[in-house]
N, C-alpha and C. Protein backbone atom coordinates (compact mmCIF):
# COMPACT_ATOMS: atom_id res chain seq x y z
N MET A 1 1.19 -1.18 0.08
CA MET A 1 0.11 0.07 0.00
C MET A 1 0.70 1.46 0.19
N GLY A 2 0.43 2.02 -0.78
CA GLY A 2 1.53 3.30 -0.87
C GLY A 2 1.31 4.38 0.04
N LYS A 3 2.25 5.25 0.20
CA LYS A 3 2.23 6.21 1.40
C LYS A 3 1.09 6.97 1.13
N GLY A 4 0.45 7.52 0.28
CA GLY A 4 -0.95 8.16 0.29
C GLY A 4 -1.74 7.63 0.58
N LEU A 5 -2.04 6.59 0.26
CA LEU A 5 -3.33 5.68 0.44
C LEU A 5 -3.08 5.26 2.01
N LYS A 6 -1.90 4.99 2.87
CA LYS A 6 -1.39 4.98 4.18
C LYS A 6 -2.37 6.21 4.93
N ASP A 7 -1.78 7.13 4.42
CA ASP A 7 -1.97 8.71 4.84
C ASP A 7 -3.80 9.01 4.91
N PHE A 8 -4.28 8.39 3.95
CA PHE A 8 -5.79 8.85 3.61
C PHE A 8 -6.45 7.92 4.64
N PHE A 9 -6.06 6.48 4.87
CA PHE A 9 -6.77 5.82 5.93
C PHE A 9 -6.37 6.63 7.27
N MET A 10 -5.04 6.83 7.38
CA MET A 10 -4.74 7.05 8.91
C MET A 10 -5.70 8.52 9.31
N TYR A 11 -5.66 9.42 8.25
CA TYR A 11 -6.81 10.72 8.72
C TYR A 11 -7.65 10.36 8.28
N SER A 12 -8.75 9.47 7.86
CA SER A 12 -10.05 8.98 7.97
C SER A 12 -10.22 8.49 9.17
N TRP A 13 -9.25 7.76 9.52
CA TRP A 13 -9.84 7.23 10.93
C TRP A 13 -9.48 7.67 11.98
N PHE A 14 -8.66 8.77 12.16
CA PHE A 14 -8.15 9.86 12.90
C PHE A 14 -9.47 10.77 13.21
N LEU A 15 -10.20 11.11 11.95
CA LEU A 15 -11.52 11.82 12.09
C LEU A 15 -12.61 11.03 12.88
N PHE A 16 -12.46 9.65 12.40
CA PHE A 16 -13.61 8.86 13.11
C PHE A 16 -13.25 8.92 14.49
N LEU A 17 -11.92 8.30 14.88
CA LEU A 17 -11.52 8.29 16.24
C LEU A 17 -11.86 9.46 17.37
N ILE A 18 -11.25 10.69 16.57
CA ILE A 18 -11.61 12.05 17.62
C ILE A 18 -13.40 12.36 17.63
N PHE A 19 -14.08 11.90 16.47
CA PHE A 19 -15.49 11.93 16.67
C PHE A 19 -15.90 10.86 17.80
N MET A 20 -15.69 9.68 17.59
CA MET A 20 -16.06 8.90 18.70
C MET A 20 -15.67 9.25 20.17
N LEU A 21 -14.33 9.84 19.85
CA LEU A 21 -13.72 10.27 21.42
C LEU A 21 -14.48 11.34 21.98
N PHE A 22 -15.20 12.29 21.37
CA PHE A 22 -15.75 13.71 21.25
C PHE A 22 -17.20 12.91 22.10
N ILE A 23 -17.82 11.85 21.63
CA ILE A 23 -19.04 11.25 22.13
C ILE A 23 -19.07 10.95 23.79
N ALA A 24 -17.69 10.10 23.40
CA ALA A 24 -17.44 9.16 24.79
C ALA A 24 -17.12 10.23 25.88
N GLY A 25 -16.59 11.49 25.59
CA GLY A 25 -16.47 12.46 26.72
C GLY A 25 -17.62 13.28 26.76
N PHE A 26 -18.75 13.08 25.72
CA PHE A 26 -20.19 14.00 26.22
C PHE A 26 -20.81 13.02 26.99
N ALA A 27 -20.52 11.65 26.60
CA ALA A 27 -21.27 10.39 27.42
C ALA A 27 -20.65 10.70 28.75
N LEU A 28 -19.46 10.83 29.01
CA LEU A 28 -18.76 10.92 30.70
C LEU A 28 -19.59 11.75 31.22
N PHE A 29 -19.48 13.35 30.36
CA PHE A 29 -20.34 14.25 31.05
C PHE A 29 -21.88 13.95 31.53
N MET A 30 -22.40 13.28 30.58
CA MET A 30 -23.96 13.09 30.64
C MET A 30 -23.86 12.06 31.94
N LEU A 31 -22.97 11.26 32.08
CA LEU A 31 -23.08 10.02 33.08
C LEU A 31 -23.06 11.09 34.57
N ILE A 32 -21.74 11.64 34.57
CA ILE A 32 -21.35 12.42 36.11
C ILE A 32 -22.53 13.45 36.51
N PHE A 33 -22.89 14.21 35.47
CA PHE A 33 -23.75 15.38 35.72
C PHE A 33 -25.07 15.56 35.18
N HIS A 34 -25.57 14.03 34.82
CA HIS A 34 -27.23 14.02 34.39
C HIS A 34 -27.52 12.72 35.13
N ASP A 35 -26.99 11.52 34.64
CA ASP A 35 -27.43 10.30 35.06
C ASP A 35 -27.60 9.89 36.64
N ILE A 36 -26.02 10.29 36.90
CA ILE A 36 -25.99 9.76 38.18
C ILE A 36 -26.95 10.73 39.44
N PRO A 37 -26.55 12.07 39.16
CA PRO A 37 -27.57 12.90 39.68
C PRO A 37 -28.65 12.59 39.92
N GLY A 38 -29.49 12.51 38.77
CA GLY A 38 -30.81 11.94 38.47
C GLY A 38 -31.47 10.97 39.49
N MET A 39 -30.42 9.78 39.34
CA MET A 39 -30.75 8.62 40.12
C MET A 39 -30.88 8.66 41.65
N ILE A 40 -29.83 9.67 42.13
CA ILE A 40 -29.53 9.93 43.46
C ILE A 40 -30.94 10.97 43.66
N SER A 41 -31.42 12.11 43.06
CA SER A 41 -32.40 12.69 43.44
C SER A 41 -33.94 12.23 43.37
N SER A 42 -34.21 11.02 42.34
CA SER A 42 -35.19 10.64 42.15
C SER A 42 -35.35 9.26 42.69
N GLY A 43 -34.24 8.72 43.14
CA GLY A 43 -34.03 7.34 43.82
C GLY A 43 -34.68 6.25 42.92
N PHE A 44 -35.06 6.29 41.97
CA PHE A 44 -35.15 5.76 40.94
C PHE A 44 -34.16 5.26 39.99
N VAL A 45 -33.99 4.06 39.17
CA VAL A 45 -33.01 3.66 38.23
C VAL A 45 -33.31 4.02 36.76
N GLY A 46 -32.79 4.75 36.25
CA GLY A 46 -33.09 5.05 34.76
C GLY A 46 -32.17 4.15 33.68
N ILE A 47 -32.32 4.94 33.06
CA ILE A 47 -31.30 3.75 31.45
C ILE A 47 -30.04 3.93 31.91
N THR A 48 -29.32 3.11 32.13
CA THR A 48 -27.85 2.98 32.39
C THR A 48 -27.24 2.35 31.08
N ALA A 49 -26.44 2.92 30.67
CA ALA A 49 -25.82 2.71 29.20
C ALA A 49 -24.35 3.04 29.62
N GLY A 50 -23.70 3.26 30.91
CA GLY A 50 -22.27 3.33 30.86
C GLY A 50 -21.17 2.29 30.29
N PHE A 51 -21.55 1.14 30.97
CA PHE A 51 -21.00 -0.27 30.49
C PHE A 51 -20.70 -0.49 28.62
N ALA A 52 -21.81 -0.10 28.24
CA ALA A 52 -22.28 -0.32 26.51
C ALA A 52 -21.34 0.80 26.20
N ILE A 53 -20.90 2.00 26.68
CA ILE A 53 -20.58 3.44 26.04
C ILE A 53 -19.53 2.72 25.95
N PHE A 54 -18.87 1.93 27.42
CA PHE A 54 -17.59 2.16 27.19
C PHE A 54 -16.90 0.77 26.53
N GLY A 55 -17.70 -0.17 26.36
CA GLY A 55 -17.48 -1.14 25.54
C GLY A 55 -17.49 -1.17 24.31
N SER A 56 -17.97 -0.31 24.00
CA SER A 56 -18.07 0.10 22.30
C SER A 56 -16.87 1.28 21.98
N MET A 57 -16.94 1.83 22.94
CA MET A 57 -15.28 2.70 22.73
C MET A 57 -14.36 1.81 22.86
N SER A 58 -14.26 1.00 23.89
CA SER A 58 -13.05 -0.28 23.74
C SER A 58 -12.74 -0.80 22.81
N PHE A 59 -13.74 -0.83 21.91
CA PHE A 59 -13.70 -1.74 20.71
C PHE A 59 -13.02 -1.00 19.64
N ILE A 60 -13.29 0.38 19.62
CA ILE A 60 -12.68 1.29 18.76
C ILE A 60 -11.55 1.64 19.11
N VAL A 61 -10.79 1.88 20.52
CA VAL A 61 -9.55 1.87 20.87
C VAL A 61 -8.93 0.64 20.24
N MET A 62 -9.42 -0.41 20.71
CA MET A 62 -8.54 -1.71 20.58
C MET A 62 -8.37 -1.85 18.92
N LEU A 63 -9.29 -1.57 18.05
CA LEU A 63 -8.84 -1.69 16.49
C LEU A 63 -7.86 -0.66 16.28
N THR A 64 -7.94 0.71 16.81
CA THR A 64 -6.83 1.42 16.76
C THR A 64 -5.45 1.01 17.28
N GLY A 65 -5.26 0.37 18.10
CA GLY A 65 -3.99 -0.29 18.69
C GLY A 65 -3.65 -1.54 17.42
N PHE A 66 -4.70 -2.20 17.25
CA PHE A 66 -3.99 -3.49 16.82
C PHE A 66 -4.13 -3.61 15.20
N ILE A 67 -4.51 -2.16 14.59
CA ILE A 67 -4.16 -2.32 12.96
C ILE A 67 -3.42 -1.50 13.03
N PRO A 68 -2.31 -1.53 12.10
CA PRO A 68 -1.15 -1.05 11.95
C PRO A 68 -1.26 0.46 10.99
N VAL A 69 -2.07 0.50 10.20
CA VAL A 69 -2.62 1.82 9.65
C VAL A 69 -3.21 2.83 10.48
N PHE A 70 -4.00 2.32 11.19
CA PHE A 70 -4.86 2.97 12.46
C PHE A 70 -3.67 3.54 13.41
N ARG A 71 -2.94 2.63 13.87
CA ARG A 71 -2.26 3.07 14.88
C ARG A 71 -1.09 4.26 14.70
N ARG A 72 -1.15 4.45 13.48
CA ARG A 72 -0.28 5.83 13.01
C ARG A 72 -0.67 6.98 13.29
N CYS A 73 -1.99 6.88 13.59
CA CYS A 73 -2.80 8.47 14.31
C CYS A 73 -2.34 8.58 15.67
N TYR A 74 -1.25 7.56 16.75
CA TYR A 74 -0.70 7.85 17.65
C TYR A 74 0.67 8.35 17.34
N TYR A 75 1.16 8.02 16.36
CA TYR A 75 2.40 8.43 15.68
C TYR A 75 2.13 9.94 15.33
N LYS A 76 1.39 10.11 14.66
CA LYS A 76 1.34 11.53 14.08
C LYS A 76 1.03 12.66 14.97
N PHE A 77 0.19 12.06 15.78
CA PHE A 77 -0.67 13.02 17.09
C PHE A 77 -0.32 12.13 18.49
N PRO A 78 0.99 12.71 18.68
CA PRO A 78 1.64 11.67 20.36
C PRO A 78 0.50 12.35 21.39
N TRP A 79 -0.22 13.40 21.10
CA TRP A 79 -1.52 13.67 22.44
C TRP A 79 -2.50 12.86 22.64
N LEU A 80 -2.73 12.37 21.40
CA LEU A 80 -3.87 11.05 20.89
C LEU A 80 -4.07 9.70 22.09
N TYR A 81 -2.78 9.58 22.22
CA TYR A 81 -2.79 8.30 22.82
C TYR A 81 -2.99 8.15 24.66
N PRO A 82 -2.49 9.42 25.23
CA PRO A 82 -2.24 9.66 26.91
C PRO A 82 -4.04 10.14 26.92
N PHE A 83 -4.41 10.73 25.99
CA PHE A 83 -6.15 11.61 26.10
C PHE A 83 -6.90 10.50 26.11
N THR A 84 -6.81 9.42 24.97
CA THR A 84 -7.66 8.25 24.87
C THR A 84 -7.41 7.31 26.25
N ILE A 85 -6.44 7.11 26.81
CA ILE A 85 -6.35 6.11 27.87
C ILE A 85 -6.84 6.76 29.27
N MET A 86 -6.11 8.05 29.20
CA MET A 86 -7.16 9.16 30.35
C MET A 86 -8.78 9.11 30.34
N LEU A 87 -9.20 9.13 29.06
CA LEU A 87 -10.88 9.31 28.76
C LEU A 87 -11.18 7.82 28.85
N MET A 88 -10.55 6.98 28.69
CA MET A 88 -11.31 5.59 29.05
C MET A 88 -11.21 5.15 30.43
N MET A 89 -10.17 5.24 30.99
CA MET A 89 -10.14 5.32 32.38
C MET A 89 -11.10 5.87 33.47
N ASN A 90 -11.39 7.07 32.91
CA ASN A 90 -12.42 7.90 33.76
C ASN A 90 -13.72 7.41 33.06
N LEU A 91 -14.16 7.14 32.10
CA LEU A 91 -15.42 6.38 31.72
C LEU A 91 -15.68 5.34 32.48
N PHE A 92 -14.77 4.41 32.45
CA PHE A 92 -14.77 3.23 33.62
C PHE A 92 -15.23 3.39 34.76
N ILE A 93 -14.54 4.46 35.16
CA ILE A 93 -14.59 4.78 36.66
C ILE A 93 -16.40 5.38 36.64
N ALA A 94 -16.56 6.40 35.88
CA ALA A 94 -18.19 6.52 35.86
C ALA A 94 -19.21 5.84 35.44
N ALA A 95 -18.73 4.64 34.51
CA ALA A 95 -19.57 3.63 34.19
C ALA A 95 -19.96 2.46 35.63
N LEU A 96 -18.76 2.37 36.09
CA LEU A 96 -18.83 1.57 37.89
C LEU A 96 -19.81 2.46 38.66
N ALA A 97 -19.89 3.35 38.57
CA ALA A 97 -20.63 4.15 39.79
C ALA A 97 -21.80 4.16 39.15
N GLU A 98 -22.30 4.07 38.13
CA GLU A 98 -23.56 4.49 37.54
C GLU A 98 -23.64 2.86 38.00
N PHE A 99 -23.33 1.94 37.48
CA PHE A 99 -23.87 0.14 38.08
C PHE A 99 -23.73 0.28 39.29
N ILE A 100 -22.99 0.72 40.30
CA ILE A 100 -23.26 0.71 41.75
C ILE A 100 -24.69 1.04 42.07
N LEU A 101 -24.80 2.21 41.56
CA LEU A 101 -25.96 3.06 41.88
C LEU A 101 -27.39 2.14 41.71
N GLU A 102 -27.29 1.74 40.33
CA GLU A 102 -28.21 0.85 39.83
C GLU A 102 -28.49 0.03 40.43
N GLN A 103 -27.65 -1.09 41.02
CA GLN A 103 -27.73 -2.21 41.63
C GLN A 103 -28.25 -1.91 43.10
N GLY A 104 -27.75 -0.65 43.64
CA GLY A 104 -28.60 -0.47 45.12
C GLY A 104 -29.76 0.21 44.81
N PHE A 105 -30.05 1.04 43.94
CA PHE A 105 -31.51 1.43 43.58
C PHE A 105 -32.52 0.86 43.04
N ALA A 106 -31.99 -0.91 43.08
CA ALA A 106 -33.02 -1.93 42.27
C ALA A 106 -33.89 -2.08 43.44
N VAL A 107 -33.90 -2.09 45.09
CA VAL A 107 -34.31 -2.53 45.64
C VAL A 107 -34.88 -1.17 46.46
N THR A 108 -35.96 -0.74 46.96
CA THR A 108 -36.94 0.03 46.99
C THR A 108 -36.63 -0.16 48.88
N GLY A 109 -35.56 1.25 49.46
CA GLY A 109 -35.39 1.14 50.84
C GLY A 109 -34.44 2.05 51.37
N SER A 110 -34.98 3.20 52.14
CA SER A 110 -34.04 4.55 52.36
C SER A 110 -32.62 4.04 53.02
N PRO A 111 -32.44 3.01 53.74
CA PRO A 111 -31.05 2.75 54.30
C PRO A 111 -30.15 2.46 53.36
N ARG A 112 -30.87 1.54 51.99
CA ARG A 112 -30.07 0.92 51.48
C ARG A 112 -29.27 2.10 50.11
N TYR A 113 -30.44 3.22 49.99
CA TYR A 113 -30.22 4.51 49.06
C TYR A 113 -29.00 5.28 49.68
N GLU A 114 -28.53 5.17 51.01
CA GLU A 114 -27.63 5.75 51.78
C GLU A 114 -26.44 5.25 51.66
N ILE A 115 -26.74 3.87 52.06
CA ILE A 115 -25.54 2.85 51.63
C ILE A 115 -24.30 3.32 50.25
N THR A 116 -25.68 3.04 49.13
CA THR A 116 -25.37 2.82 47.86
C THR A 116 -24.25 3.95 47.61
N VAL A 117 -25.22 5.07 47.48
CA VAL A 117 -24.39 6.32 47.49
C VAL A 117 -23.05 6.78 48.24
N PHE A 118 -22.72 6.62 49.79
CA PHE A 118 -21.93 6.25 50.10
C PHE A 118 -20.80 5.31 49.41
N LEU A 119 -21.09 4.30 49.27
CA LEU A 119 -20.24 3.23 48.45
C LEU A 119 -19.59 3.76 46.95
N MET A 120 -20.56 4.36 46.54
CA MET A 120 -20.38 4.84 45.19
C MET A 120 -19.30 5.97 45.04
N ILE A 121 -19.42 7.02 46.00
CA ILE A 121 -18.37 7.69 46.51
C ILE A 121 -16.92 7.43 46.88
N VAL A 122 -17.29 6.52 47.65
CA VAL A 122 -15.56 5.72 48.00
C VAL A 122 -15.41 4.93 46.81
N GLN A 123 -16.05 4.48 45.96
CA GLN A 123 -15.33 3.94 44.58
C GLN A 123 -14.75 4.78 43.78
N VAL A 124 -15.75 5.99 43.74
CA VAL A 124 -15.05 6.75 42.80
C VAL A 124 -13.48 7.33 43.13
N ILE A 125 -13.56 7.82 44.65
CA ILE A 125 -12.21 8.06 45.46
C ILE A 125 -11.08 7.42 45.32
N VAL A 126 -11.49 5.78 45.65
CA VAL A 126 -10.53 4.78 45.41
C VAL A 126 -9.73 4.36 43.88
N CYS A 127 -11.21 4.34 42.96
CA CYS A 127 -10.50 4.19 41.67
C CYS A 127 -9.59 5.37 40.96
N ARG A 128 -9.75 6.61 41.70
CA ARG A 128 -9.09 7.66 41.12
C ARG A 128 -7.38 7.84 41.95
N TYR A 129 -7.70 7.44 43.01
CA TYR A 129 -6.17 7.14 43.65
C TYR A 129 -5.74 6.25 42.94
N ILE A 130 -6.35 5.12 42.44
CA ILE A 130 -5.43 3.73 42.01
C ILE A 130 -4.88 4.24 40.62
N MET A 131 -5.73 4.81 40.02
CA MET A 131 -5.52 5.64 38.70
C MET A 131 -4.08 6.55 39.02
N CYS A 132 -4.23 7.31 39.65
CA CYS A 132 -3.19 8.12 40.01
C CYS A 132 -2.00 7.58 40.49
N LEU A 133 -1.78 6.60 41.09
CA LEU A 133 -0.52 5.71 41.68
C LEU A 133 -0.31 5.02 40.18
N TYR A 134 -0.99 4.44 39.61
CA TYR A 134 -0.67 3.66 38.56
C TYR A 134 0.04 4.42 37.29
N LEU A 135 -0.85 5.58 36.74
CA LEU A 135 -0.03 6.43 36.27
C LEU A 135 1.31 7.14 36.49
N LYS A 136 1.33 7.50 38.00
CA LYS A 136 2.87 8.30 38.40
C LYS A 136 3.70 7.18 37.77
N LYS A 137 3.35 5.75 38.40
CA LYS A 137 4.47 4.75 38.37
C LYS A 137 4.73 4.20 36.74
N HIS A 138 3.77 4.16 36.08
CA HIS A 138 3.72 3.97 34.24
C HIS A 138 3.23 5.40 33.77
N PRO A 139 3.99 6.28 33.17
CA PRO A 139 3.47 7.32 32.57
C PRO A 139 2.83 6.72 31.20
N VAL A 140 1.84 7.46 30.94
CA VAL A 140 1.47 7.32 29.36
C VAL A 140 2.28 7.65 28.11
N VAL A 141 2.87 6.79 27.69
CA VAL A 141 3.84 7.09 26.52
C VAL A 141 3.46 6.16 25.61
N TYR A 142 3.39 6.51 24.27
CA TYR A 142 3.20 5.45 23.36
C TYR A 142 4.84 5.50 22.60
N TYR A 143 5.36 4.22 22.63
CA TYR A 143 6.59 3.76 21.96
C TYR A 143 5.73 3.52 20.63
N LYS A 144 6.60 3.74 19.75
CA LYS A 144 6.87 3.13 18.53
C LYS A 144 7.48 2.17 18.53
N ASP A 145 6.47 0.95 17.83
CA ASP A 145 7.25 -0.47 17.93
C ASP A 145 7.64 -1.02 16.76
N ASP A 146 6.87 -0.46 15.70
CA ASP A 146 7.00 -1.07 14.33
C ASP A 146 7.32 0.19 13.30
N GLU A 147 8.55 0.41 13.05
CA GLU A 147 9.38 1.20 11.90
C GLU A 147 8.51 1.22 10.71
N GLN A 148 8.28 0.17 10.05
CA GLN A 148 7.91 -0.19 8.78
C GLN A 148 6.65 0.66 8.30
N TYR A 149 5.58 0.97 9.50
CA TYR A 149 4.33 1.70 9.07
C TYR A 149 4.50 2.99 9.06
N TYR A 150 5.29 3.24 9.69
CA TYR A 150 5.69 4.92 9.97
C TYR A 150 6.06 5.59 8.96
């Protein structure tokens, strides 16, 4: 495949990836500022789509990492890989918090609601702390491992 065709595929995938990351960022903010507070204020479980969004975004990020032509996005735009990893970690934490609320609010009972909200807050704090420790020990840097595709 010629360099021009590789660049076309890479830039096309980059635009698709940026669009999907924008949707994931919007979904993250919707989880944090709409879905979770809505569940807490109403006391009822709504539509929980956090893990569905996380799974579909994980598949797209996996394709970007596995297919060499698409992986070139990370070489051309070095900020993209750390941004993607941080967004996916935060999306997982928010989806897990939504799942905890969903399980806790499935049964009616006010003491259970308070315990569930407390568990969700503790889960978010602990996960963020673990994420910070991990990223301090292993900084997110994308190493170029296949020279022939660059």
